Amino acid sequence: MNLRERRKRTNSFGISTVWNAKKHKKATHIIEELKSFGFNKIELNVFLTEDNLIEIFENLDNLNIEVVSLHNFCPLPEKIPEGRTVHRAYEISSHDEDERKEAIRLTKRTIDWTKKFGAKYIVLHAGTIPTSYSPREMYEKYIDGKLDEFFFLRERIMEERKEKGKKYLE
């Protein structure tokens, strides 16, 4: 079945494998579970390994899905730097040239897989502006109902980002 035929047979809504990627060992089981909820438009997320992508690609016709997007970096990078999460492993906006080069290499790999799957989109986060406040701190203030403190902290973070962000836009 070609891509055009597969697109005609899918519904209008999709779902990301982020929802259940860690739950299954076999990539086809990830997809089958998502299909059991009525989804056949799929985003392949950062938790999928290259072996997972190969397995999905080799079974694409039998799975009867349309891969609509990949979430950068997909497949999962071989190495995550210490102190980083999979979502912020390497940033394209980094001032560190080696980190930026690695982010570009991994993004190109995502682009190659996107093309192979015939997907139209890549979800890409260019980077972050570091602040002295943690998102967790904001979250806790919000959950605890300390809305005055939450909004005060939010304003401080926005001001700090605005100032620190200038060097990222030069």
N, C-alpha and C. Protein backbone atom coordinates (compact mmCIF):
# COMPACT_ATOMS: atom_id res chain seq x y z
N MET A 1 0.86 -1.17 0.00
CA MET A 1 0.00 0.00 0.00
C MET A 1 0.91 1.24 0.00
N ASN A 2 0.66 2.17 -0.94
CA ASN A 2 1.50 3.36 -0.97
C ASN A 2 1.00 4.40 0.03
N LEU A 3 1.80 5.46 0.20
CA LEU A 3 1.49 6.48 1.21
C LEU A 3 0.15 7.15 0.95
N ARG A 4 -0.15 7.45 -0.29
CA ARG A 4 -1.41 8.11 -0.62
C ARG A 4 -2.60 7.24 -0.21
N GLU A 5 -2.53 5.95 -0.50
CA GLU A 5 -3.61 5.04 -0.11
C GLU A 5 -3.72 4.94 1.41
N ARG A 6 -2.58 4.90 2.11
CA ARG A 6 -2.58 4.81 3.56
C ARG A 6 -3.23 6.06 4.16
N ARG A 7 -2.95 7.24 3.59
CA ARG A 7 -3.54 8.48 4.10
C ARG A 7 -5.05 8.48 3.94
N LYS A 8 -5.55 7.90 2.88
CA LYS A 8 -7.00 7.85 2.66
C LYS A 8 -7.70 6.96 3.69
N ARG A 9 -6.99 5.98 4.23
CA ARG A 9 -7.60 5.00 5.13
C ARG A 9 -7.45 5.38 6.60
N THR A 10 -6.91 6.55 6.90
CA THR A 10 -6.70 6.92 8.30
C THR A 10 -7.70 7.98 8.73
N ASN A 11 -7.88 8.09 10.04
CA ASN A 11 -8.80 9.09 10.58
C ASN A 11 -8.12 10.45 10.68
N SER A 12 -8.82 11.44 11.24
CA SER A 12 -8.30 12.80 11.28
C SER A 12 -7.46 13.11 12.52
N PHE A 13 -7.47 12.25 13.50
CA PHE A 13 -6.76 12.52 14.74
C PHE A 13 -5.57 11.58 14.88
N GLY A 14 -4.53 12.09 15.52
CA GLY A 14 -3.35 11.27 15.75
C GLY A 14 -2.96 11.28 17.21
N ILE A 15 -1.96 10.47 17.52
CA ILE A 15 -1.46 10.37 18.89
C ILE A 15 0.03 10.08 18.83
N SER A 16 0.73 10.51 19.86
CA SER A 16 2.17 10.29 19.93
C SER A 16 2.49 9.00 20.67
N THR A 17 3.58 8.39 20.27
CA THR A 17 4.06 7.20 20.96
C THR A 17 4.64 7.54 22.33
N VAL A 18 4.75 8.83 22.66
CA VAL A 18 5.23 9.22 23.99
C VAL A 18 4.31 8.65 25.06
N TRP A 19 3.06 8.47 24.69
CA TRP A 19 2.06 8.00 25.63
C TRP A 19 2.36 6.59 26.15
N ASN A 20 2.92 5.74 25.29
CA ASN A 20 3.10 4.35 25.71
C ASN A 20 4.42 3.71 25.29
N ALA A 21 5.37 4.49 24.81
CA ALA A 21 6.62 3.92 24.29
C ALA A 21 7.41 3.15 25.35
N LYS A 22 7.39 3.62 26.57
CA LYS A 22 8.17 2.96 27.62
C LYS A 22 7.48 1.71 28.16
N LYS A 23 6.24 1.53 27.78
CA LYS A 23 5.42 0.45 28.30
C LYS A 23 5.67 -0.88 27.58
N HIS A 24 6.16 -0.83 26.35
CA HIS A 24 6.29 -2.03 25.52
C HIS A 24 7.73 -2.25 25.08
N LYS A 25 8.09 -3.50 24.93
CA LYS A 25 9.42 -3.86 24.42
C LYS A 25 9.43 -3.82 22.88
N LYS A 26 8.35 -4.31 22.28
CA LYS A 26 8.28 -4.35 20.81
C LYS A 26 7.57 -3.10 20.28
N ALA A 27 8.18 -2.51 19.27
CA ALA A 27 7.62 -1.29 18.69
C ALA A 27 6.24 -1.53 18.08
N THR A 28 6.05 -2.70 17.48
CA THR A 28 4.74 -2.98 16.89
C THR A 28 3.65 -3.03 17.96
N HIS A 29 4.00 -3.43 19.18
CA HIS A 29 3.02 -3.45 20.27
C HIS A 29 2.64 -2.02 20.69
N ILE A 30 3.60 -1.10 20.61
CA ILE A 30 3.31 0.32 20.88
C ILE A 30 2.23 0.79 19.92
N ILE A 31 2.46 0.52 18.64
CA ILE A 31 1.53 0.97 17.60
C ILE A 31 0.19 0.27 17.72
N GLU A 32 0.20 -1.03 17.94
CA GLU A 32 -1.06 -1.78 18.05
C GLU A 32 -1.92 -1.26 19.19
N GLU A 33 -1.30 -0.91 20.32
CA GLU A 33 -2.09 -0.37 21.43
C GLU A 33 -2.73 0.96 21.04
N LEU A 34 -1.98 1.82 20.38
CA LEU A 34 -2.53 3.11 19.95
C LEU A 34 -3.66 2.91 18.95
N LYS A 35 -3.49 1.95 18.07
CA LYS A 35 -4.55 1.63 17.10
C LYS A 35 -5.80 1.10 17.79
N SER A 36 -5.63 0.38 18.90
CA SER A 36 -6.79 -0.18 19.60
C SER A 36 -7.70 0.91 20.16
N PHE A 37 -7.17 2.13 20.29
CA PHE A 37 -7.98 3.27 20.73
C PHE A 37 -8.56 4.04 19.55
N GLY A 38 -8.33 3.54 18.34
CA GLY A 38 -8.89 4.16 17.16
C GLY A 38 -7.97 5.12 16.43
N PHE A 39 -6.72 5.18 16.83
CA PHE A 39 -5.77 6.07 16.17
C PHE A 39 -4.97 5.32 15.12
N ASN A 40 -4.82 5.91 13.95
CA ASN A 40 -3.88 5.36 12.98
C ASN A 40 -3.00 6.43 12.35
N LYS A 41 -3.08 7.64 12.88
CA LYS A 41 -2.10 8.69 12.56
C LYS A 41 -1.21 8.80 13.79
N ILE A 42 0.08 8.63 13.58
CA ILE A 42 1.00 8.45 14.70
C ILE A 42 2.16 9.44 14.62
N GLU A 43 2.54 9.97 15.79
CA GLU A 43 3.80 10.70 15.91
C GLU A 43 4.79 9.76 16.59
N LEU A 44 5.96 9.63 16.00
CA LEU A 44 7.02 8.82 16.60
C LEU A 44 7.85 9.74 17.48
N ASN A 45 8.00 9.38 18.75
CA ASN A 45 8.63 10.30 19.69
C ASN A 45 10.06 9.92 20.03
N VAL A 46 10.65 10.73 20.86
CA VAL A 46 12.06 10.65 21.20
C VAL A 46 12.46 9.37 21.94
N PHE A 47 11.54 8.67 22.56
CA PHE A 47 11.89 7.46 23.31
C PHE A 47 12.12 6.24 22.42
N LEU A 48 11.83 6.35 21.14
CA LEU A 48 11.99 5.21 20.24
C LEU A 48 13.44 5.10 19.77
N THR A 49 13.96 3.89 19.82
CA THR A 49 15.33 3.64 19.36
C THR A 49 15.34 3.43 17.85
N GLU A 50 16.53 3.38 17.30
CA GLU A 50 16.64 3.10 15.86
C GLU A 50 16.08 1.72 15.54
N ASP A 51 16.31 0.75 16.41
CA ASP A 51 15.73 -0.59 16.20
C ASP A 51 14.20 -0.53 16.18
N ASN A 52 13.61 0.29 17.06
CA ASN A 52 12.15 0.48 17.06
C ASN A 52 11.68 1.03 15.73
N LEU A 53 12.39 2.04 15.22
CA LEU A 53 11.99 2.66 13.94
C LEU A 53 12.08 1.66 12.80
N ILE A 54 13.14 0.88 12.80
CA ILE A 54 13.29 -0.14 11.76
C ILE A 54 12.13 -1.13 11.83
N GLU A 55 11.79 -1.58 13.03
CA GLU A 55 10.68 -2.53 13.21
C GLU A 55 9.36 -1.93 12.70
N ILE A 56 9.10 -0.69 13.04
CA ILE A 56 7.86 -0.04 12.59
C ILE A 56 7.88 0.11 11.07
N PHE A 57 9.01 0.56 10.53
CA PHE A 57 9.10 0.77 9.08
C PHE A 57 8.90 -0.54 8.32
N GLU A 58 9.52 -1.60 8.80
CA GLU A 58 9.40 -2.90 8.13
C GLU A 58 7.98 -3.46 8.19
N ASN A 59 7.18 -3.01 9.15
CA ASN A 59 5.81 -3.50 9.32
C ASN A 59 4.75 -2.46 8.97
N LEU A 60 5.15 -1.40 8.31
CA LEU A 60 4.26 -0.27 8.05
C LEU A 60 2.99 -0.68 7.33
N ASP A 61 3.10 -1.49 6.29
CA ASP A 61 1.91 -1.91 5.55
C ASP A 61 0.96 -2.74 6.41
N ASN A 62 1.52 -3.66 7.18
CA ASN A 62 0.68 -4.50 8.05
C ASN A 62 0.05 -3.70 9.19
N LEU A 63 0.75 -2.67 9.66
CA LEU A 63 0.23 -1.86 10.77
C LEU A 63 -0.88 -0.92 10.30
N ASN A 64 -0.89 -0.62 9.01
CA ASN A 64 -1.91 0.27 8.43
C ASN A 64 -2.01 1.59 9.20
N ILE A 65 -0.86 2.26 9.31
CA ILE A 65 -0.82 3.56 9.97
C ILE A 65 -0.19 4.58 9.04
N GLU A 66 -0.40 5.84 9.39
CA GLU A 66 0.30 6.93 8.73
C GLU A 66 1.15 7.61 9.79
N VAL A 67 2.44 7.65 9.58
CA VAL A 67 3.32 8.40 10.47
C VAL A 67 3.25 9.85 10.01
N VAL A 68 2.69 10.73 10.85
CA VAL A 68 2.49 12.13 10.45
C VAL A 68 3.63 13.02 10.92
N SER A 69 4.33 12.62 11.99
CA SER A 69 5.42 13.45 12.48
C SER A 69 6.40 12.64 13.31
N LEU A 70 7.58 13.19 13.44
CA LEU A 70 8.58 12.65 14.35
C LEU A 70 8.96 13.76 15.31
N HIS A 71 9.22 13.40 16.55
CA HIS A 71 9.61 14.37 17.56
C HIS A 71 11.12 14.31 17.70
N ASN A 72 11.78 15.40 17.37
CA ASN A 72 13.24 15.48 17.42
C ASN A 72 13.73 15.30 18.86
N PHE A 73 14.65 14.51 19.19
CA PHE A 73 15.44 13.66 18.31
C PHE A 73 14.80 12.28 18.26
N CYS A 74 14.56 11.81 17.09
CA CYS A 74 14.00 10.48 16.88
C CYS A 74 14.75 9.88 15.72
N PRO A 75 15.51 8.83 15.96
CA PRO A 75 15.51 7.96 17.13
C PRO A 75 16.26 8.57 18.32
N LEU A 76 16.07 7.91 19.46
CA LEU A 76 16.71 8.28 20.71
C LEU A 76 18.22 8.40 20.53
N PRO A 77 18.83 9.49 20.99
CA PRO A 77 20.30 9.60 20.91
C PRO A 77 20.97 8.45 21.66
N GLU A 78 22.13 8.05 21.14
CA GLU A 78 22.87 6.94 21.75
C GLU A 78 23.35 7.31 23.15
N LYS A 79 23.62 8.61 23.36
CA LYS A 79 24.16 9.05 24.64
C LYS A 79 23.44 10.32 25.07
N ILE A 80 23.05 10.35 26.33
CA ILE A 80 22.44 11.54 26.93
C ILE A 80 23.47 12.10 27.91
N PRO A 81 23.89 13.35 27.73
CA PRO A 81 24.88 13.91 28.64
C PRO A 81 24.40 13.90 30.09
N GLU A 82 25.33 13.72 31.00
CA GLU A 82 25.01 13.70 32.43
C GLU A 82 24.35 15.02 32.83
N GLY A 83 23.28 14.90 33.62
CA GLY A 83 22.57 16.07 34.08
C GLY A 83 21.52 16.59 33.11
N ARG A 84 21.38 15.93 31.97
CA ARG A 84 20.41 16.33 30.96
C ARG A 84 19.31 15.28 30.87
N THR A 85 18.18 15.69 30.34
CA THR A 85 17.10 14.73 30.07
C THR A 85 17.09 14.43 28.59
N VAL A 86 16.36 13.41 28.22
CA VAL A 86 16.25 13.05 26.81
C VAL A 86 15.67 14.21 26.00
N HIS A 87 14.82 15.01 26.62
CA HIS A 87 14.19 16.12 25.91
C HIS A 87 15.12 17.31 25.72
N ARG A 88 16.14 17.41 26.51
CA ARG A 88 17.07 18.53 26.43
C ARG A 88 18.52 18.03 26.33
N ALA A 89 18.70 16.91 25.65
CA ALA A 89 20.03 16.30 25.57
C ALA A 89 21.03 17.22 24.87
N TYR A 90 20.63 17.76 23.73
CA TYR A 90 21.49 18.65 22.94
C TYR A 90 20.60 19.75 22.38
N GLU A 91 21.09 20.99 22.46
CA GLU A 91 20.27 22.11 22.00
C GLU A 91 20.91 22.78 20.78
N ILE A 92 20.12 22.97 19.76
CA ILE A 92 20.58 23.63 18.54
C ILE A 92 20.99 25.06 18.82
N SER A 93 20.40 25.67 19.82
CA SER A 93 20.70 27.06 20.16
C SER A 93 21.89 27.20 21.11
N SER A 94 22.54 26.10 21.44
CA SER A 94 23.64 26.15 22.40
C SER A 94 24.79 27.01 21.89
N HIS A 95 25.45 27.71 22.80
CA HIS A 95 26.64 28.47 22.45
C HIS A 95 27.87 27.56 22.39
N ASP A 96 27.74 26.35 22.88
CA ASP A 96 28.82 25.37 22.82
C ASP A 96 28.80 24.73 21.43
N GLU A 97 29.87 24.94 20.67
CA GLU A 97 29.90 24.48 19.28
C GLU A 97 29.75 22.96 19.15
N ASP A 98 30.40 22.21 20.02
CA ASP A 98 30.30 20.74 19.94
C ASP A 98 28.87 20.27 20.20
N GLU A 99 28.22 20.87 21.19
CA GLU A 99 26.83 20.50 21.48
C GLU A 99 25.93 20.85 20.29
N ARG A 100 26.15 22.04 19.74
CA ARG A 100 25.33 22.47 18.60
C ARG A 100 25.53 21.53 17.40
N LYS A 101 26.77 21.13 17.15
CA LYS A 101 27.05 20.21 16.04
C LYS A 101 26.36 18.86 16.25
N GLU A 102 26.39 18.38 17.49
CA GLU A 102 25.72 17.11 17.79
C GLU A 102 24.21 17.24 17.62
N ALA A 103 23.66 18.37 18.05
CA ALA A 103 22.22 18.61 17.88
C ALA A 103 21.86 18.62 16.39
N ILE A 104 22.70 19.23 15.59
CA ILE A 104 22.45 19.28 14.14
C ILE A 104 22.56 17.88 13.54
N ARG A 105 23.57 17.12 13.94
CA ARG A 105 23.73 15.75 13.43
C ARG A 105 22.50 14.91 13.75
N LEU A 106 22.05 14.99 15.00
CA LEU A 106 20.88 14.21 15.41
C LEU A 106 19.61 14.69 14.72
N THR A 107 19.49 15.98 14.49
CA THR A 107 18.33 16.53 13.78
C THR A 107 18.32 16.05 12.33
N LYS A 108 19.48 16.01 11.70
CA LYS A 108 19.56 15.49 10.33
C LYS A 108 19.12 14.03 10.28
N ARG A 109 19.49 13.29 11.31
CA ARG A 109 19.06 11.88 11.39
C ARG A 109 17.54 11.80 11.51
N THR A 110 16.93 12.69 12.30
CA THR A 110 15.47 12.75 12.40
C THR A 110 14.86 13.09 11.04
N ILE A 111 15.46 14.03 10.34
CA ILE A 111 14.97 14.42 9.01
C ILE A 111 15.02 13.22 8.06
N ASP A 112 16.11 12.47 8.10
CA ASP A 112 16.22 11.27 7.24
C ASP A 112 15.10 10.28 7.51
N TRP A 113 14.81 10.03 8.80
CA TRP A 113 13.73 9.10 9.15
C TRP A 113 12.36 9.68 8.78
N THR A 114 12.21 10.98 8.92
CA THR A 114 10.95 11.63 8.55
C THR A 114 10.67 11.40 7.07
N LYS A 115 11.70 11.60 6.27
CA LYS A 115 11.57 11.38 4.82
C LYS A 115 11.26 9.91 4.53
N LYS A 116 11.95 9.01 5.20
CA LYS A 116 11.75 7.58 4.97
C LYS A 116 10.31 7.17 5.27
N PHE A 117 9.74 7.70 6.36
CA PHE A 117 8.36 7.38 6.73
C PHE A 117 7.33 8.16 5.91
N GLY A 118 7.78 9.18 5.19
CA GLY A 118 6.84 10.00 4.43
C GLY A 118 6.04 10.95 5.32
N ALA A 119 6.56 11.24 6.51
CA ALA A 119 5.87 12.15 7.43
C ALA A 119 6.02 13.58 6.94
N LYS A 120 5.06 14.42 7.32
CA LYS A 120 5.07 15.81 6.88
C LYS A 120 5.73 16.75 7.89
N TYR A 121 5.82 16.34 9.15
CA TYR A 121 6.22 17.28 10.19
C TYR A 121 7.29 16.71 11.11
N ILE A 122 8.06 17.65 11.67
CA ILE A 122 9.01 17.34 12.75
C ILE A 122 8.72 18.32 13.87
N VAL A 123 8.58 17.80 15.08
CA VAL A 123 8.44 18.66 16.26
C VAL A 123 9.86 18.93 16.75
N LEU A 124 10.23 20.20 16.77
CA LEU A 124 11.60 20.58 17.10
C LEU A 124 11.60 21.69 18.13
N HIS A 125 12.37 21.50 19.19
CA HIS A 125 12.56 22.53 20.21
C HIS A 125 13.98 23.05 20.03
N ALA A 126 14.12 24.33 19.71
CA ALA A 126 15.44 24.89 19.42
C ALA A 126 16.32 24.99 20.66
N GLY A 127 15.73 25.12 21.81
CA GLY A 127 16.53 25.22 23.02
C GLY A 127 15.79 25.96 24.11
N THR A 128 16.51 26.26 25.15
CA THR A 128 15.93 26.97 26.28
C THR A 128 16.84 28.13 26.67
N ILE A 129 16.26 29.07 27.35
CA ILE A 129 17.04 30.14 27.95
C ILE A 129 17.13 29.81 29.43
N PRO A 130 18.33 29.54 29.91
CA PRO A 130 18.44 29.16 31.32
C PRO A 130 18.05 30.30 32.26
N THR A 131 17.35 29.96 33.32
CA THR A 131 17.00 30.94 34.34
C THR A 131 17.41 30.39 35.70
N SER A 132 17.39 31.26 36.68
CA SER A 132 17.77 30.84 38.02
C SER A 132 16.61 30.19 38.76
N TYR A 133 15.45 30.10 38.10
CA TYR A 133 14.26 29.50 38.70
C TYR A 133 13.92 28.21 37.96
N SER A 134 13.41 27.24 38.68
CA SER A 134 13.07 25.98 38.04
C SER A 134 11.59 25.94 37.68
N PRO A 135 11.26 25.29 36.57
CA PRO A 135 9.84 25.11 36.24
C PRO A 135 9.09 24.37 37.35
N ARG A 136 9.80 23.49 38.03
CA ARG A 136 9.19 22.73 39.13
C ARG A 136 8.71 23.67 40.24
N GLU A 137 9.51 24.69 40.52
CA GLU A 137 9.16 25.66 41.55
C GLU A 137 7.86 26.38 41.19
N MET A 138 7.73 26.75 39.92
CA MET A 138 6.49 27.39 39.46
C MET A 138 5.31 26.44 39.58
N TYR A 139 5.52 25.22 39.14
CA TYR A 139 4.47 24.20 39.16
C TYR A 139 3.96 23.99 40.59
N GLU A 140 4.88 23.87 41.53
CA GLU A 140 4.49 23.63 42.92
C GLU A 140 3.69 24.79 43.50
N LYS A 141 4.08 26.01 43.16
CA LYS A 141 3.33 27.18 43.65
C LYS A 141 1.91 27.17 43.09
N TYR A 142 1.79 26.80 41.82
CA TYR A 142 0.48 26.76 41.19
C TYR A 142 -0.39 25.67 41.83
N ILE A 143 0.16 24.48 41.97
CA ILE A 143 -0.57 23.34 42.55
C ILE A 143 -0.98 23.63 43.99
N ASP A 144 -0.10 24.30 44.72
CA ASP A 144 -0.38 24.63 46.13
C ASP A 144 -1.36 25.80 46.27
N GLY A 145 -1.79 26.37 45.15
CA GLY A 145 -2.75 27.47 45.19
C GLY A 145 -2.14 28.81 45.57
N LYS A 146 -0.83 28.89 45.53
CA LYS A 146 -0.13 30.14 45.85
C LYS A 146 -0.02 30.98 44.58
N LEU A 147 -1.17 31.43 44.09
CA LEU A 147 -1.22 32.08 42.78
C LEU A 147 -0.50 33.41 42.75
N ASP A 148 -0.54 34.19 43.84
CA ASP A 148 0.21 35.45 43.86
C ASP A 148 1.71 35.18 43.69
N GLU A 149 2.20 34.19 44.42
CA GLU A 149 3.62 33.83 44.30
C GLU A 149 3.93 33.27 42.92
N PHE A 150 3.01 32.47 42.39
CA PHE A 150 3.18 31.90 41.05
C PHE A 150 3.33 33.01 40.02
N PHE A 151 2.41 33.98 40.02
CA PHE A 151 2.45 35.05 39.02
C PHE A 151 3.65 35.97 39.23
N PHE A 152 4.04 36.20 40.47
CA PHE A 152 5.23 36.99 40.75
C PHE A 152 6.47 36.29 40.18
N LEU A 153 6.58 34.99 40.45
CA LEU A 153 7.70 34.20 39.95
C LEU A 153 7.71 34.16 38.42
N ARG A 154 6.53 34.02 37.86
CA ARG A 154 6.41 34.00 36.39
C ARG A 154 6.94 35.30 35.79
N GLU A 155 6.59 36.42 36.37
CA GLU A 155 7.08 37.72 35.88
C GLU A 155 8.59 37.82 36.00
N ARG A 156 9.13 37.35 37.12
CA ARG A 156 10.59 37.38 37.31
C ARG A 156 11.29 36.53 36.25
N ILE A 157 10.74 35.35 35.98
CA ILE A 157 11.32 34.47 34.96
C ILE A 157 11.25 35.12 33.58
N MET A 158 10.12 35.73 33.27
CA MET A 158 9.96 36.39 31.96
C MET A 158 10.98 37.53 31.80
N GLU A 159 11.18 38.30 32.85
CA GLU A 159 12.17 39.39 32.80
C GLU A 159 13.57 38.83 32.62
N GLU A 160 13.88 37.78 33.37
CA GLU A 160 15.21 37.16 33.27
C GLU A 160 15.43 36.57 31.88
N ARG A 161 14.44 35.90 31.35
CA ARG A 161 14.56 35.34 29.99
C ARG A 161 14.75 36.42 28.95
N LYS A 162 14.00 37.51 29.10
CA LYS A 162 14.10 38.61 28.14
C LYS A 162 15.53 39.16 28.12
N GLU A 163 16.11 39.32 29.28
CA GLU A 163 17.48 39.85 29.37
C GLU A 163 18.50 38.83 28.86
N LYS A 164 18.42 37.60 29.36
CA LYS A 164 19.38 36.57 28.96
C LYS A 164 19.20 36.14 27.51
N GLY A 165 17.98 36.25 27.01
CA GLY A 165 17.69 35.80 25.65
C GLY A 165 18.33 36.62 24.56
N LYS A 166 18.74 37.83 24.87
CA LYS A 166 19.33 38.71 23.85
C LYS A 166 20.52 38.07 23.16
N LYS A 167 21.38 37.39 23.93
CA LYS A 167 22.57 36.79 23.32
C LYS A 167 22.22 35.64 22.37
N TYR A 168 21.05 35.03 22.55
CA TYR A 168 20.64 33.94 21.67
C TYR A 168 20.10 34.46 20.34
N LEU A 169 19.77 35.73 20.31
CA LEU A 169 19.19 36.32 19.10
C LEU A 169 20.19 37.16 18.32
N GLU A 170 21.43 37.23 18.79
CA GLU A 170 22.45 38.03 18.10
C GLU A 170 22.92 37.34 16.84
